[in-house]
Amino acid sequence: MISDRANHRIIETSIWLILMTLTIAIAWSAITPVTFASRDVIFEIPKGTWARRMAGNKVDILPSEIYLTLGIHDVLVLRNMDEVPQIFGPTLMMPGQSFRLPFEVASINQFNCTAHTRGQMTIIVDPQPDSPLSRVVWRARTWYRIMIKHFTTSA
């Protein structure tokens, strides 16, 4: 049987290890710059989207909100693989065409979008995380958005 003193030591050591691991993870996320191979965030409108909608199916192919970050993922690319033209903002995308929209200012933008079930999409462009604290916050917010998206689409 483990004595109370030994049990207390195990708990102390466990807490210390957890705190050290958290400290290292936060320090890493603060120091390490946020980089990706491409600044493009690509969404495709699949072939048959319009036909499925006309048949009465609720087809959600694009999110209602897209999050971009300056200097990291700040270029929205839409590819129209459907058989009919699609409108995004003032742009008419013919079948097979792509539309590339770079963002240079942190902002919230509303666009009309015929490929979206509600007919409108919001693009939220966050500022570039330059400081250590902003990198920690950006990584935490991105992780949170991924978890929310995962659990709301899984349900």
N, C-alpha and C. Protein backbone atom coordinates (compact mmCIF):
# COMPACT_ATOMS: atom_id res chain seq x y z
N MET A 1 0.85 -1.18 0.00
CA MET A 1 0.00 0.00 0.00
C MET A 1 0.90 1.24 0.00
N ILE A 2 0.51 2.23 -0.77
CA ILE A 2 1.29 3.47 -0.88
C ILE A 2 0.94 4.37 0.30
N SER A 3 2.01 4.89 0.93
CA SER A 3 1.78 5.78 2.06
C SER A 3 1.23 7.11 1.57
N ASP A 4 0.65 7.86 2.50
CA ASP A 4 0.11 9.18 2.15
C ASP A 4 1.20 10.10 1.63
N ARG A 5 2.38 9.99 2.20
CA ARG A 5 3.50 10.83 1.78
C ARG A 5 3.89 10.52 0.32
N ALA A 6 3.96 9.24 -0.01
CA ALA A 6 4.30 8.83 -1.38
C ALA A 6 3.21 9.24 -2.36
N ASN A 7 1.97 9.10 -1.95
CA ASN A 7 0.83 9.50 -2.78
C ASN A 7 0.87 11.00 -3.04
N HIS A 8 1.17 11.77 -2.01
CA HIS A 8 1.27 13.23 -2.13
C HIS A 8 2.40 13.61 -3.09
N ARG A 9 3.51 12.89 -3.03
CA ARG A 9 4.66 13.15 -3.90
C ARG A 9 4.31 12.86 -5.36
N ILE A 10 3.56 11.80 -5.61
CA ILE A 10 3.14 11.45 -6.97
C ILE A 10 2.23 12.55 -7.53
N ILE A 11 1.31 13.04 -6.74
CA ILE A 11 0.40 14.11 -7.17
C ILE A 11 1.19 15.38 -7.45
N GLU A 12 2.13 15.74 -6.55
CA GLU A 12 2.97 16.93 -6.75
C GLU A 12 3.76 16.83 -8.05
N THR A 13 4.37 15.69 -8.30
CA THR A 13 5.17 15.48 -9.50
C THR A 13 4.29 15.56 -10.75
N SER A 14 3.11 14.99 -10.70
CA SER A 14 2.19 15.02 -11.83
C SER A 14 1.78 16.45 -12.16
N ILE A 15 1.44 17.22 -11.14
CA ILE A 15 1.05 18.62 -11.35
C ILE A 15 2.22 19.41 -11.93
N TRP A 16 3.41 19.17 -11.39
CA TRP A 16 4.60 19.87 -11.88
C TRP A 16 4.85 19.55 -13.36
N LEU A 17 4.72 18.28 -13.75
CA LEU A 17 4.92 17.87 -15.14
C LEU A 17 3.87 18.50 -16.07
N ILE A 18 2.64 18.54 -15.62
CA ILE A 18 1.58 19.16 -16.43
C ILE A 18 1.86 20.64 -16.62
N LEU A 19 2.23 21.34 -15.56
CA LEU A 19 2.52 22.78 -15.65
C LEU A 19 3.73 23.04 -16.56
N MET A 20 4.75 22.23 -16.45
CA MET A 20 5.93 22.39 -17.32
C MET A 20 5.56 22.15 -18.79
N THR A 21 4.76 21.14 -19.05
CA THR A 21 4.33 20.85 -20.42
C THR A 21 3.53 22.01 -20.99
N LEU A 22 2.61 22.55 -20.21
CA LEU A 22 1.83 23.71 -20.65
C LEU A 22 2.73 24.92 -20.90
N THR A 23 3.68 25.15 -20.02
CA THR A 23 4.60 26.27 -20.18
C THR A 23 5.41 26.14 -21.46
N ILE A 24 5.90 24.95 -21.74
CA ILE A 24 6.68 24.72 -22.96
C ILE A 24 5.80 24.91 -24.20
N ALA A 25 4.57 24.40 -24.16
CA ALA A 25 3.66 24.53 -25.31
C ALA A 25 3.33 26.00 -25.58
N ILE A 26 3.07 26.76 -24.53
CA ILE A 26 2.75 28.18 -24.70
C ILE A 26 3.97 28.95 -25.19
N ALA A 27 5.15 28.63 -24.64
CA ALA A 27 6.38 29.29 -25.11
C ALA A 27 6.64 28.98 -26.57
N TRP A 28 6.45 27.73 -26.97
CA TRP A 28 6.63 27.35 -28.38
C TRP A 28 5.67 28.13 -29.27
N SER A 29 4.40 28.19 -28.88
CA SER A 29 3.41 28.88 -29.72
C SER A 29 3.65 30.38 -29.76
N ALA A 30 4.31 30.94 -28.77
CA ALA A 30 4.62 32.37 -28.77
C ALA A 30 5.85 32.67 -29.62
N ILE A 31 6.85 31.81 -29.57
CA ILE A 31 8.13 32.07 -30.24
C ILE A 31 8.10 31.69 -31.71
N THR A 32 7.46 30.59 -32.05
CA THR A 32 7.48 30.07 -33.41
C THR A 32 6.58 30.89 -34.33
N PRO A 33 7.15 31.42 -35.43
CA PRO A 33 6.31 32.16 -36.38
C PRO A 33 5.26 31.25 -37.02
N VAL A 34 4.14 31.84 -37.40
CA VAL A 34 3.07 31.10 -38.05
C VAL A 34 3.32 31.16 -39.56
N THR A 35 3.56 29.99 -40.16
CA THR A 35 3.81 29.93 -41.60
C THR A 35 3.08 28.74 -42.20
N PHE A 36 2.76 28.86 -43.48
CA PHE A 36 2.15 27.78 -44.25
C PHE A 36 2.78 27.76 -45.63
N ALA A 37 2.67 26.65 -46.33
CA ALA A 37 3.27 26.53 -47.66
C ALA A 37 2.58 27.45 -48.66
N SER A 38 1.30 27.69 -48.49
CA SER A 38 0.54 28.53 -49.42
C SER A 38 -0.33 29.50 -48.63
N ARG A 39 -0.55 30.67 -49.21
CA ARG A 39 -1.43 31.65 -48.57
C ARG A 39 -2.87 31.50 -49.05
N ASP A 40 -3.11 30.57 -49.98
CA ASP A 40 -4.43 30.34 -50.54
C ASP A 40 -5.29 29.47 -49.63
N VAL A 41 -6.56 29.83 -49.54
CA VAL A 41 -7.58 29.00 -48.89
C VAL A 41 -8.57 28.67 -50.01
N ILE A 42 -8.65 27.38 -50.37
CA ILE A 42 -9.37 26.97 -51.58
C ILE A 42 -10.69 26.29 -51.20
N PHE A 43 -11.75 26.74 -51.89
CA PHE A 43 -13.07 26.12 -51.76
C PHE A 43 -13.56 25.78 -53.16
N GLU A 44 -14.12 24.59 -53.31
CA GLU A 44 -14.65 24.17 -54.60
C GLU A 44 -16.16 24.04 -54.54
N ILE A 45 -16.79 24.48 -55.61
CA ILE A 45 -18.22 24.26 -55.80
C ILE A 45 -18.31 23.00 -56.66
N PRO A 46 -18.71 21.87 -56.10
CA PRO A 46 -18.65 20.61 -56.85
C PRO A 46 -19.68 20.53 -57.97
N LYS A 47 -19.36 19.69 -58.93
CA LYS A 47 -20.25 19.43 -60.06
C LYS A 47 -21.56 18.86 -59.52
N GLY A 48 -22.67 19.34 -60.04
CA GLY A 48 -23.99 18.85 -59.65
C GLY A 48 -24.63 19.61 -58.49
N THR A 49 -23.97 20.63 -57.97
CA THR A 49 -24.52 21.40 -56.85
C THR A 49 -25.85 22.04 -57.23
N TRP A 50 -25.89 22.72 -58.34
CA TRP A 50 -27.11 23.41 -58.78
C TRP A 50 -28.23 22.40 -59.03
N ALA A 51 -27.92 21.28 -59.68
CA ALA A 51 -28.94 20.26 -59.96
C ALA A 51 -29.51 19.69 -58.67
N ARG A 52 -28.67 19.43 -57.68
CA ARG A 52 -29.17 18.89 -56.41
C ARG A 52 -30.06 19.92 -55.70
N ARG A 53 -29.69 21.19 -55.79
CA ARG A 53 -30.54 22.23 -55.18
C ARG A 53 -31.89 22.32 -55.86
N MET A 54 -31.89 22.25 -57.18
CA MET A 54 -33.14 22.33 -57.94
C MET A 54 -34.02 21.11 -57.67
N ALA A 55 -33.41 20.01 -57.25
CA ALA A 55 -34.16 18.79 -56.90
C ALA A 55 -34.71 18.87 -55.47
N GLY A 56 -34.39 19.97 -54.77
CA GLY A 56 -34.93 20.16 -53.42
C GLY A 56 -34.00 19.77 -52.30
N ASN A 57 -32.79 19.34 -52.62
CA ASN A 57 -31.83 18.98 -51.58
C ASN A 57 -31.17 20.23 -51.01
N LYS A 58 -31.02 20.25 -49.69
CA LYS A 58 -30.28 21.36 -49.07
C LYS A 58 -28.80 21.01 -49.13
N VAL A 59 -28.09 21.67 -50.00
CA VAL A 59 -26.68 21.38 -50.23
C VAL A 59 -25.85 22.50 -49.63
N ASP A 60 -25.17 22.18 -48.53
CA ASP A 60 -24.28 23.15 -47.87
C ASP A 60 -22.85 22.83 -48.26
N ILE A 61 -22.35 23.50 -49.28
CA ILE A 61 -20.99 23.21 -49.75
C ILE A 61 -19.98 24.22 -49.25
N LEU A 62 -20.45 25.41 -48.89
CA LEU A 62 -19.55 26.46 -48.41
C LEU A 62 -19.98 26.87 -47.00
N PRO A 63 -19.02 27.17 -46.15
CA PRO A 63 -19.38 27.63 -44.80
C PRO A 63 -20.00 29.03 -44.86
N SER A 64 -20.78 29.38 -43.86
CA SER A 64 -21.38 30.72 -43.82
C SER A 64 -20.33 31.77 -43.46
N GLU A 65 -19.26 31.34 -42.78
CA GLU A 65 -18.16 32.24 -42.43
C GLU A 65 -16.84 31.57 -42.81
N ILE A 66 -15.99 32.34 -43.46
CA ILE A 66 -14.65 31.88 -43.79
C ILE A 66 -13.67 32.80 -43.07
N TYR A 67 -12.73 32.20 -42.36
CA TYR A 67 -11.74 32.97 -41.60
C TYR A 67 -10.41 32.95 -42.34
N LEU A 68 -9.88 34.14 -42.58
CA LEU A 68 -8.57 34.30 -43.20
C LEU A 68 -7.69 35.10 -42.24
N THR A 69 -6.38 35.03 -42.43
CA THR A 69 -5.44 35.78 -41.59
C THR A 69 -4.41 36.42 -42.50
N LEU A 70 -4.22 37.72 -42.35
CA LEU A 70 -3.24 38.43 -43.16
C LEU A 70 -1.85 37.81 -43.00
N GLY A 71 -1.14 37.68 -44.11
CA GLY A 71 0.22 37.17 -44.08
C GLY A 71 0.32 35.66 -43.93
N ILE A 72 -0.78 34.98 -43.67
CA ILE A 72 -0.76 33.53 -43.45
C ILE A 72 -1.65 32.85 -44.48
N HIS A 73 -2.94 33.00 -44.32
CA HIS A 73 -3.95 32.55 -45.28
C HIS A 73 -4.80 33.76 -45.61
N ASP A 74 -4.38 34.54 -46.59
CA ASP A 74 -5.10 35.79 -46.89
C ASP A 74 -5.59 35.88 -48.33
N VAL A 75 -5.65 34.73 -49.02
CA VAL A 75 -6.14 34.71 -50.39
C VAL A 75 -7.26 33.66 -50.47
N LEU A 76 -8.44 34.11 -50.82
CA LEU A 76 -9.59 33.21 -51.00
C LEU A 76 -9.62 32.78 -52.46
N VAL A 77 -9.71 31.47 -52.69
CA VAL A 77 -9.81 30.93 -54.04
C VAL A 77 -11.09 30.11 -54.11
N LEU A 78 -11.96 30.47 -55.04
CA LEU A 78 -13.19 29.71 -55.29
C LEU A 78 -13.09 29.07 -56.66
N ARG A 79 -13.38 27.77 -56.73
CA ARG A 79 -13.36 27.05 -58.00
C ARG A 79 -14.76 26.56 -58.31
N ASN A 80 -15.26 26.93 -59.47
CA ASN A 80 -16.60 26.51 -59.87
C ASN A 80 -16.49 25.27 -60.74
N MET A 81 -16.69 24.10 -60.13
CA MET A 81 -16.65 22.84 -60.86
C MET A 81 -18.07 22.41 -61.28
N ASP A 82 -19.07 23.25 -60.98
CA ASP A 82 -20.46 22.95 -61.34
C ASP A 82 -20.68 23.19 -62.83
N GLU A 83 -21.86 22.79 -63.30
CA GLU A 83 -22.18 22.92 -64.72
C GLU A 83 -22.84 24.25 -65.06
N VAL A 84 -23.11 25.07 -64.04
CA VAL A 84 -23.77 26.35 -64.26
C VAL A 84 -22.90 27.48 -63.69
N PRO A 85 -23.07 28.70 -64.19
CA PRO A 85 -22.32 29.83 -63.63
C PRO A 85 -22.72 30.08 -62.18
N GLN A 86 -21.79 30.60 -61.41
CA GLN A 86 -22.04 30.98 -60.01
C GLN A 86 -21.58 32.42 -59.83
N ILE A 87 -22.27 33.13 -58.94
CA ILE A 87 -21.90 34.52 -58.67
C ILE A 87 -21.33 34.61 -57.26
N PHE A 88 -20.19 35.29 -57.17
CA PHE A 88 -19.60 35.60 -55.86
C PHE A 88 -19.29 37.08 -55.87
N GLY A 89 -20.03 37.83 -55.03
CA GLY A 89 -19.88 39.29 -55.04
C GLY A 89 -20.25 39.81 -56.42
N PRO A 90 -19.42 40.63 -57.02
CA PRO A 90 -19.72 41.15 -58.35
C PRO A 90 -19.19 40.26 -59.48
N THR A 91 -18.64 39.10 -59.14
CA THR A 91 -17.96 38.27 -60.13
C THR A 91 -18.82 37.09 -60.57
N LEU A 92 -18.91 36.91 -61.88
CA LEU A 92 -19.59 35.76 -62.46
C LEU A 92 -18.53 34.72 -62.81
N MET A 93 -18.63 33.55 -62.18
CA MET A 93 -17.68 32.47 -62.46
C MET A 93 -18.36 31.44 -63.34
N MET A 94 -17.84 31.28 -64.53
CA MET A 94 -18.37 30.29 -65.45
C MET A 94 -17.93 28.90 -65.01
N PRO A 95 -18.58 27.84 -65.48
CA PRO A 95 -18.16 26.49 -65.13
C PRO A 95 -16.68 26.27 -65.47
N GLY A 96 -15.95 25.70 -64.51
CA GLY A 96 -14.54 25.43 -64.71
C GLY A 96 -13.62 26.60 -64.35
N GLN A 97 -14.18 27.76 -64.08
CA GLN A 97 -13.36 28.92 -63.74
C GLN A 97 -13.06 28.99 -62.25
N SER A 98 -11.97 29.69 -61.94
CA SER A 98 -11.60 29.96 -60.55
C SER A 98 -11.57 31.46 -60.35
N PHE A 99 -11.79 31.86 -59.11
CA PHE A 99 -11.75 33.28 -58.74
C PHE A 99 -10.82 33.39 -57.54
N ARG A 100 -9.84 34.28 -57.65
CA ARG A 100 -8.83 34.46 -56.60
C ARG A 100 -8.98 35.87 -56.04
N LEU A 101 -9.22 35.97 -54.73
CA LEU A 101 -9.43 37.26 -54.08
C LEU A 101 -8.46 37.44 -52.92
N PRO A 102 -7.38 38.24 -53.12
CA PRO A 102 -6.44 38.50 -52.03
C PRO A 102 -6.97 39.61 -51.12
N PHE A 103 -6.69 39.49 -49.82
CA PHE A 103 -7.08 40.51 -48.85
C PHE A 103 -5.83 41.15 -48.28
N GLU A 104 -5.85 42.46 -48.10
CA GLU A 104 -4.70 43.20 -47.60
C GLU A 104 -4.98 43.96 -46.31
N VAL A 105 -6.25 43.94 -45.85
CA VAL A 105 -6.65 44.68 -44.66
C VAL A 105 -7.50 43.76 -43.79
N ALA A 106 -7.24 43.78 -42.48
CA ALA A 106 -8.09 43.02 -41.56
C ALA A 106 -9.49 43.64 -41.60
N SER A 107 -10.50 42.79 -41.82
CA SER A 107 -11.86 43.31 -42.02
C SER A 107 -12.89 42.19 -41.95
N ILE A 108 -14.15 42.60 -41.94
CA ILE A 108 -15.28 41.67 -42.05
C ILE A 108 -16.01 42.06 -43.33
N ASN A 109 -16.18 41.10 -44.24
CA ASN A 109 -16.74 41.37 -45.56
C ASN A 109 -17.94 40.48 -45.83
N GLN A 110 -18.99 41.07 -46.37
CA GLN A 110 -20.19 40.33 -46.76
C GLN A 110 -20.22 40.24 -48.29
N PHE A 111 -20.47 39.04 -48.81
CA PHE A 111 -20.55 38.85 -50.25
C PHE A 111 -21.82 38.07 -50.59
N ASN A 112 -22.48 38.46 -51.67
CA ASN A 112 -23.55 37.65 -52.23
C ASN A 112 -22.89 36.44 -52.86
N CYS A 113 -23.52 35.27 -52.73
CA CYS A 113 -22.92 34.05 -53.25
C CYS A 113 -24.02 33.07 -53.61
N THR A 114 -24.16 32.81 -54.91
CA THR A 114 -25.23 31.90 -55.35
C THR A 114 -24.94 30.45 -54.98
N ALA A 115 -23.70 30.12 -54.67
CA ALA A 115 -23.36 28.75 -54.29
C ALA A 115 -23.69 28.47 -52.83
N HIS A 116 -24.00 29.50 -52.08
CA HIS A 116 -24.30 29.33 -50.66
C HIS A 116 -25.80 29.22 -50.46
N THR A 117 -26.23 28.34 -49.53
CA THR A 117 -27.66 28.11 -49.33
C THR A 117 -28.40 29.37 -48.89
N ARG A 118 -27.73 30.24 -48.13
CA ARG A 118 -28.38 31.48 -47.68
C ARG A 118 -28.19 32.63 -48.67
N GLY A 119 -27.40 32.39 -49.71
CA GLY A 119 -27.17 33.42 -50.71
C GLY A 119 -26.15 34.47 -50.30
N GLN A 120 -25.55 34.30 -49.13
CA GLN A 120 -24.59 35.29 -48.64
C GLN A 120 -23.51 34.59 -47.82
N MET A 121 -22.29 35.13 -47.88
CA MET A 121 -21.17 34.57 -47.15
C MET A 121 -20.40 35.70 -46.49
N THR A 122 -19.86 35.43 -45.31
CA THR A 122 -19.04 36.41 -44.59
C THR A 122 -17.59 35.95 -44.60
N ILE A 123 -16.71 36.84 -44.98
CA ILE A 123 -15.28 36.58 -44.95
C ILE A 123 -14.70 37.44 -43.84
N ILE A 124 -14.11 36.80 -42.83
CA ILE A 124 -13.52 37.51 -41.71
C ILE A 124 -12.00 37.41 -41.85
N VAL A 125 -11.36 38.56 -41.99
CA VAL A 125 -9.91 38.61 -42.17
C VAL A 125 -9.30 39.16 -40.88
N ASP A 126 -8.56 38.29 -40.19
CA ASP A 126 -7.90 38.67 -38.94
C ASP A 126 -6.54 39.31 -39.23
N PRO A 127 -6.06 40.18 -38.33
CA PRO A 127 -4.73 40.76 -38.52
C PRO A 127 -3.64 39.69 -38.39
N GLN A 128 -2.48 39.97 -38.97
CA GLN A 128 -1.35 39.05 -38.88
C GLN A 128 -0.85 38.98 -37.45
N PRO A 129 -0.64 37.78 -36.92
CA PRO A 129 -0.13 37.66 -35.55
C PRO A 129 1.38 37.90 -35.50
N ASP A 130 1.77 39.14 -35.24
CA ASP A 130 3.19 39.51 -35.25
C ASP A 130 3.88 39.33 -33.90
N SER A 131 3.19 39.62 -32.83
CA SER A 131 3.81 39.56 -31.51
C SER A 131 3.66 38.15 -30.92
N PRO A 132 4.49 37.81 -29.93
CA PRO A 132 4.35 36.49 -29.30
C PRO A 132 2.95 36.24 -28.73
N LEU A 133 2.39 37.22 -28.05
CA LEU A 133 1.05 37.05 -27.48
C LEU A 133 0.01 36.84 -28.58
N SER A 134 0.11 37.62 -29.66
CA SER A 134 -0.88 37.48 -30.74
C SER A 134 -0.76 36.11 -31.42
N ARG A 135 0.44 35.53 -31.48
CA ARG A 135 0.59 34.18 -32.04
C ARG A 135 -0.08 33.13 -31.15
N VAL A 136 0.08 33.28 -29.83
CA VAL A 136 -0.58 32.35 -28.91
C VAL A 136 -2.10 32.46 -29.06
N VAL A 137 -2.60 33.68 -29.09
CA VAL A 137 -4.05 33.90 -29.22
C VAL A 137 -4.54 33.37 -30.56
N TRP A 138 -3.80 33.63 -31.65
CA TRP A 138 -4.20 33.17 -32.98
C TRP A 138 -4.27 31.64 -33.01
N ARG A 139 -3.26 30.99 -32.47
CA ARG A 139 -3.27 29.51 -32.47
C ARG A 139 -4.42 28.96 -31.63
N ALA A 140 -4.68 29.56 -30.49
CA ALA A 140 -5.79 29.10 -29.64
C ALA A 140 -7.13 29.31 -30.34
N ARG A 141 -7.31 30.47 -30.97
CA ARG A 141 -8.57 30.77 -31.67
C ARG A 141 -8.75 29.83 -32.87
N THR A 142 -7.67 29.56 -33.60
CA THR A 142 -7.75 28.66 -34.75
C THR A 142 -8.10 27.25 -34.29
N TRP A 143 -7.46 26.78 -33.23
CA TRP A 143 -7.76 25.46 -32.69
C TRP A 143 -9.23 25.38 -32.25
N TYR A 144 -9.69 26.43 -31.58
CA TYR A 144 -11.09 26.48 -31.12
C TYR A 144 -12.05 26.40 -32.31
N ARG A 145 -11.79 27.18 -33.37
CA ARG A 145 -12.66 27.17 -34.55
C ARG A 145 -12.68 25.80 -35.21
N ILE A 146 -11.53 25.13 -35.25
CA ILE A 146 -11.47 23.80 -35.83
C ILE A 146 -12.29 22.82 -34.99
N MET A 147 -12.17 22.90 -33.67
CA MET A 147 -12.92 22.00 -32.79
C MET A 147 -14.43 22.25 -32.92
N ILE A 148 -14.82 23.52 -32.93
CA ILE A 148 -16.25 23.84 -33.08
C ILE A 148 -16.78 23.31 -34.41
N LYS A 149 -16.03 23.52 -35.48
CA LYS A 149 -16.45 23.05 -36.80
C LYS A 149 -16.56 21.52 -36.80
N HIS A 150 -15.59 20.84 -36.20
CA HIS A 150 -15.59 19.39 -36.16
C HIS A 150 -16.80 18.86 -35.39
N PHE A 151 -17.06 19.42 -34.21
CA PHE A 151 -18.13 18.89 -33.40
C PHE A 151 -19.52 19.29 -33.88
N THR A 152 -19.64 20.43 -34.57
CA THR A 152 -20.95 20.81 -35.08
C THR A 152 -21.27 20.09 -36.37
N THR A 153 -20.26 19.69 -37.17
CA THR A 153 -20.54 18.93 -38.38
C THR A 153 -20.67 17.45 -38.10
N SER A 154 -20.11 16.97 -36.98
CA SER A 154 -20.21 15.56 -36.60
C SER A 154 -21.58 15.23 -36.01
N ALA A 155 -22.21 16.23 -35.40
CA ALA A 155 -23.48 15.97 -34.70
C ALA A 155 -24.61 15.70 -35.64
